[in-house]
Amino acid sequence: MTAPETQHGGITRPKSWRLALPPKTKLINANQNIHFRRKAELVKVIRNAAWAMARHSNIPALQRAHVYFVIHPDDKIQRRDPGNWAPSAKAAVDGLVDAGILPDDNSERLIGPDPRIGHPVKGSQLVLWITDLDQMDPDHIALINPPTTLPGARS
């Protein structure tokens, strides 16, 4: 799904796309204590699901992107910390690279994935929002990607 380009106070909104993994896909939570082989299996499932969804979407190949992920936790989960699902988001972003949406997921090509929390759904769901940074003014990119040096630090 492509979000239409709109004006917001003189700012043209760049194109963005929503990529939802199938509901009830087994996700990885950083708080889980699981065997490395089981974790590798889950990473493979998430990565392949993201690859398949990306290949069947209308997302063009991008050079640079900002990605944030929305975790829709299971309705049985009471405490919700969206950053805990970063391992699932990392696997999904790797699937985007595998699908050719991004050439790489290094810091030159990707800002994020940044976590958000969504409404609960039965069985959980991971949704990626992908924004084309090449359509965004560098001053606006700076707003979502703050400097990484401390004030007064020498380079």
C-alpha atoms as a PDB file:
ATOM      1  CA  MET A   1       0.000   0.000   0.000  1.00  0.00           C
ATOM      2  CA  THR A   2       1.423   3.377  -0.967  1.00  0.00           C
ATOM      3  CA  ALA A   3       0.650   6.459   1.087  1.00  0.00           C
ATOM      4  CA  PRO A   4      -0.185   9.393  -1.180  1.00  0.00           C
ATOM      5  CA  GLU A   5       2.213  12.317  -1.315  1.00  0.00           C
ATOM      6  CA  THR A   6       0.650  15.178   0.617  1.00  0.00           C
ATOM      7  CA  GLN A   7       1.648  18.609   1.842  1.00  0.00           C
ATOM      8  CA  HIS A   8       2.092  19.154   5.588  1.00  0.00           C
ATOM      9  CA  GLY A   9       2.968  22.758   6.312  1.00  0.00           C
ATOM     10  CA  GLY A  10       4.989  23.054   3.100  1.00  0.00           C
ATOM     11  CA  ILE A  11       6.665  19.665   3.559  1.00  0.00           C
ATOM     12  CA  THR A  12       6.072  17.094   0.842  1.00  0.00           C
ATOM     13  CA  ARG A  13       5.576  13.699   2.420  1.00  0.00           C
ATOM     14  CA  PRO A  14       7.767  11.081   0.715  1.00  0.00           C
ATOM     15  CA  LYS A  15       6.294   7.799  -0.435  1.00  0.00           C
ATOM     16  CA  SER A  16       5.931   5.129   2.185  1.00  0.00           C
ATOM     17  CA  TRP A  17       4.688   1.576   2.159  1.00  0.00           C
ATOM     18  CA  ARG A  18       3.105  -0.728   4.719  1.00  0.00           C
ATOM     19  CA  LEU A  19       4.363  -4.301   4.764  1.00  0.00           C
ATOM     20  CA  ALA A  20       2.473  -6.576   7.152  1.00  0.00           C
ATOM     21  CA  LEU A  21       3.730 -10.022   8.009  1.00  0.00           C
ATOM     22  CA  PRO A  22       1.005 -12.634   8.278  1.00  0.00           C
ATOM     23  CA  PRO A  23      -0.820 -12.582  11.625  1.00  0.00           C
ATOM     24  CA  LYS A  24       0.300 -15.252  14.083  1.00  0.00           C
ATOM     25  CA  THR A  25       3.819 -15.422  12.600  1.00  0.00           C
ATOM     26  CA  LYS A  26       5.988 -16.582  15.508  1.00  0.00           C
ATOM     27  CA  LEU A  27       8.029 -13.545  16.563  1.00  0.00           C
ATOM     28  CA  ILE A  28      11.221 -13.231  18.592  1.00  0.00           C
ATOM     29  CA  ASN A  29      11.209 -11.188  21.763  1.00  0.00           C
ATOM     30  CA  ALA A  30      14.544 -10.077  23.253  1.00  0.00           C
ATOM     31  CA  ASN A  31      13.347 -11.271  26.668  1.00  0.00           C
ATOM     32  CA  GLN A  32      12.926 -14.859  25.476  1.00  0.00           C
ATOM     33  CA  ASN A  33      15.549 -17.353  26.548  1.00  0.00           C
ATOM     34  CA  ILE A  34      15.525 -19.743  23.604  1.00  0.00           C
ATOM     35  CA  HIS A  35      18.107 -22.118  22.206  1.00  0.00           C
ATOM     36  CA  PHE A  36      20.191 -20.643  19.381  1.00  0.00           C
ATOM     37  CA  ARG A  37      18.947 -23.275  16.905  1.00  0.00           C
ATOM     38  CA  ARG A  38      15.313 -22.477  17.698  1.00  0.00           C
ATOM     39  CA  LYS A  39      16.071 -18.767  17.379  1.00  0.00           C
ATOM     40  CA  ALA A  40      17.719 -19.388  13.983  1.00  0.00           C
ATOM     41  CA  GLU A  41      14.575 -21.228  12.839  1.00  0.00           C
ATOM     42  CA  LEU A  42      12.370 -18.313  13.910  1.00  0.00           C
ATOM     43  CA  VAL A  43      14.682 -15.779  12.205  1.00  0.00           C
ATOM     44  CA  LYS A  44      14.456 -17.806   8.996  1.00  0.00           C
ATOM     45  CA  VAL A  45      10.640 -17.893   9.126  1.00  0.00           C
ATOM     46  CA  ILE A  46      10.356 -14.134   9.741  1.00  0.00           C
ATOM     47  CA  ARG A  47      12.980 -13.319   7.099  1.00  0.00           C
ATOM     48  CA  ASN A  48      11.278 -15.536   4.516  1.00  0.00           C
ATOM     49  CA  ALA A  49       7.843 -14.105   5.348  1.00  0.00           C
ATOM     50  CA  ALA A  50       9.138 -10.545   4.872  1.00  0.00           C
ATOM     51  CA  TRP A  51      10.860 -11.583   1.631  1.00  0.00           C
ATOM     52  CA  ALA A  52       7.645 -13.137   0.275  1.00  0.00           C
ATOM     53  CA  MET A  53       5.474 -10.178   1.275  1.00  0.00           C
ATOM     54  CA  ALA A  54       8.000  -7.728  -0.229  1.00  0.00           C
ATOM     55  CA  ARG A  55       8.244  -9.675  -3.503  1.00  0.00           C
ATOM     56  CA  HIS A  56       4.456  -9.565  -3.859  1.00  0.00           C
ATOM     57  CA  SER A  57       4.155  -5.882  -2.992  1.00  0.00           C
ATOM     58  CA  ASN A  58       4.533  -2.853  -5.217  1.00  0.00           C
ATOM     59  CA  ILE A  59       7.520  -1.510  -3.298  1.00  0.00           C
ATOM     60  CA  PRO A  60      10.235  -0.437  -5.746  1.00  0.00           C
ATOM     61  CA  ALA A  61      13.933  -0.944  -5.145  1.00  0.00           C
ATOM     62  CA  LEU A  62      15.076   1.881  -2.848  1.00  0.00           C
ATOM     63  CA  GLN A  63      18.557   3.221  -2.255  1.00  0.00           C
ATOM     64  CA  ARG A  64      17.890   4.570   1.245  1.00  0.00           C
ATOM     65  CA  ALA A  65      14.969   4.138   3.598  1.00  0.00           C
ATOM     66  CA  HIS A  66      13.629   4.798   7.059  1.00  0.00           C
ATOM     67  CA  VAL A  67      11.863   1.805   8.581  1.00  0.00           C
ATOM     68  CA  TYR A  68       9.800   1.689  11.697  1.00  0.00           C
ATOM     69  CA  PHE A  69       8.046  -1.395  12.894  1.00  0.00           C
ATOM     70  CA  VAL A  70       4.743  -1.644  14.651  1.00  0.00           C
ATOM     71  CA  ILE A  71       4.279  -4.607  16.894  1.00  0.00           C
ATOM     72  CA  HIS A  72       0.684  -5.605  17.444  1.00  0.00           C
ATOM     73  CA  PRO A  73       1.141  -7.783  20.535  1.00  0.00           C
ATOM     74  CA  ASP A  74      -1.009 -10.736  21.397  1.00  0.00           C
ATOM     75  CA  ASP A  75      -4.086  -9.637  23.301  1.00  0.00           C
ATOM     76  CA  LYS A  76      -2.955 -11.828  26.215  1.00  0.00           C
ATOM     77  CA  ILE A  77       0.253  -9.813  26.742  1.00  0.00           C
ATOM     78  CA  GLN A  78      -0.174  -7.197  29.454  1.00  0.00           C
ATOM     79  CA  ARG A  79       3.262  -5.510  29.559  1.00  0.00           C
ATOM     80  CA  ARG A  80       4.148  -4.114  26.153  1.00  0.00           C
ATOM     81  CA  ASP A  81       7.631  -2.846  25.330  1.00  0.00           C
ATOM     82  CA  PRO A  82       7.902  -2.553  21.521  1.00  0.00           C
ATOM     83  CA  GLY A  83      11.721  -2.466  21.576  1.00  0.00           C
ATOM     84  CA  ASN A  84      11.744  -6.046  22.829  1.00  0.00           C
ATOM     85  CA  TRP A  85      10.689  -7.206  19.363  1.00  0.00           C
ATOM     86  CA  ALA A  86      13.770  -5.677  17.677  1.00  0.00           C
ATOM     87  CA  PRO A  87      15.155  -9.163  16.812  1.00  0.00           C
ATOM     88  CA  SER A  88      11.982  -9.838  14.800  1.00  0.00           C
ATOM     89  CA  ALA A  89      12.239  -6.469  13.047  1.00  0.00           C
ATOM     90  CA  LYS A  90      15.915  -7.118  12.203  1.00  0.00           C
ATOM     91  CA  ALA A  91      14.999 -10.443  10.608  1.00  0.00           C
ATOM     92  CA  ALA A  92      12.192  -8.770   8.626  1.00  0.00           C
ATOM     93  CA  VAL A  93      14.533  -6.011   7.384  1.00  0.00           C
ATOM     94  CA  ASP A  94      16.976  -8.708   6.266  1.00  0.00           C
ATOM     95  CA  GLY A  95      14.078 -10.120   4.244  1.00  0.00           C
ATOM     96  CA  LEU A  96      13.672  -6.705   2.557  1.00  0.00           C
ATOM     97  CA  VAL A  97      17.350  -6.838   1.559  1.00  0.00           C
ATOM     98  CA  ASP A  98      16.912 -10.403   0.279  1.00  0.00           C
ATOM     99  CA  ALA A  99      13.936  -9.224  -1.820  1.00  0.00           C
ATOM    100  CA  GLY A 100      15.961  -6.380  -3.373  1.00  0.00           C
ATOM    101  CA  ILE A 101      13.961  -3.568  -1.739  1.00  0.00           C
ATOM    102  CA  LEU A 102      17.180  -2.282  -0.134  1.00  0.00           C
ATOM    103  CA  PRO A 103      20.737  -2.964  -1.325  1.00  0.00           C
ATOM    104  CA  ASP A 104      21.908  -3.339   2.295  1.00  0.00           C
ATOM    105  CA  ASP A 105      20.708  -2.616   5.819  1.00  0.00           C
ATOM    106  CA  ASN A 106      23.806  -0.732   6.956  1.00  0.00           C
ATOM    107  CA  SER A 107      23.699   2.778   8.418  1.00  0.00           C
ATOM    108  CA  GLU A 108      24.367   4.384   5.021  1.00  0.00           C
ATOM    109  CA  ARG A 109      21.188   2.856   3.577  1.00  0.00           C
ATOM    110  CA  LEU A 110      18.819   2.507   6.514  1.00  0.00           C
ATOM    111  CA  ILE A 111      17.533   4.537   9.423  1.00  0.00           C
ATOM    112  CA  GLY A 112      15.863   2.201  11.879  1.00  0.00           C
ATOM    113  CA  PRO A 113      14.082  -0.042  12.382  1.00  0.00           C
ATOM    114  CA  ASP A 114      12.431   2.084  15.056  1.00  0.00           C
ATOM    115  CA  PRO A 115       9.839   0.462  17.362  1.00  0.00           C
ATOM    116  CA  ARG A 116       6.200   1.426  17.815  1.00  0.00           C
ATOM    117  CA  ILE A 117       3.355  -0.301  19.628  1.00  0.00           C
ATOM    118  CA  GLY A 118       0.041  -1.000  17.937  1.00  0.00           C
ATOM    119  CA  HIS A 119      -3.265  -2.319  19.135  1.00  0.00           C
ATOM    120  CA  PRO A 120      -3.314  -5.923  20.365  1.00  0.00           C
ATOM    121  CA  VAL A 121      -4.310  -8.674  17.940  1.00  0.00           C
ATOM    122  CA  LYS A 122      -4.816 -12.371  18.542  1.00  0.00           C
ATOM    123  CA  GLY A 123      -1.495 -14.118  17.986  1.00  0.00           C
ATOM    124  CA  SER A 124       0.607 -10.928  17.419  1.00  0.00           C
ATOM    125  CA  GLN A 125       1.608  -9.292  14.138  1.00  0.00           C
ATOM    126  CA  LEU A 126       4.623  -7.342  12.898  1.00  0.00           C
ATOM    127  CA  VAL A 127       4.116  -4.481  10.419  1.00  0.00           C
ATOM    128  CA  LEU A 128       6.936  -2.559   8.749  1.00  0.00           C
ATOM    129  CA  TRP A 129       6.501   1.001   7.488  1.00  0.00           C
ATOM    130  CA  ILE A 130       9.104   1.833   4.846  1.00  0.00           C
ATOM    131  CA  THR A 131       9.760   5.433   3.744  1.00  0.00           C
ATOM    132  CA  ASP A 132      11.898   6.418   0.753  1.00  0.00           C
ATOM    133  CA  LEU A 133      14.618   8.742   2.069  1.00  0.00           C
ATOM    134  CA  ASP A 134      15.736   9.808  -1.414  1.00  0.00           C
ATOM    135  CA  GLN A 135      12.482  11.783  -1.705  1.00  0.00           C
ATOM    136  CA  MET A 136      13.064  13.549   1.602  1.00  0.00           C
ATOM    137  CA  ASP A 137      14.854  16.856   2.116  1.00  0.00           C
ATOM    138  CA  PRO A 138      18.158  16.393   4.033  1.00  0.00           C
ATOM    139  CA  ASP A 139      16.977  18.849   6.711  1.00  0.00           C
ATOM    140  CA  HIS A 140      13.960  16.652   7.354  1.00  0.00           C
ATOM    141  CA  ILE A 141      16.097  13.514   7.440  1.00  0.00           C
ATOM    142  CA  ALA A 142      18.144  15.194  10.176  1.00  0.00           C
ATOM    143  CA  LEU A 143      14.979  15.409  12.289  1.00  0.00           C
ATOM    144  CA  ILE A 144      14.548  11.631  12.302  1.00  0.00           C
ATOM    145  CA  ASN A 145      18.277  10.874  12.437  1.00  0.00           C
ATOM    146  CA  PRO A 146      19.853  13.077  15.123  1.00  0.00           C
ATOM    147  CA  PRO A 147      23.625  13.617  15.338  1.00  0.00           C
ATOM    148  CA  THR A 148      25.602  10.861  17.004  1.00  0.00           C
ATOM    149  CA  THR A 149      28.366  12.996  18.481  1.00  0.00           C
ATOM    150  CA  LEU A 150      28.196  14.749  21.818  1.00  0.00           C
ATOM    151  CA  PRO A 151      28.108  18.545  21.840  1.00  0.00           C
ATOM    152  CA  GLY A 152      31.652  19.920  22.025  1.00  0.00           C
ATOM    153  CA  ALA A 153      33.220  16.587  21.045  1.00  0.00           C
ATOM    154  CA  ARG A 154      36.023  16.688  18.495  1.00  0.00           C
ATOM    155  CA  SER A 155      35.789  14.557  15.392  1.00  0.00           C
END
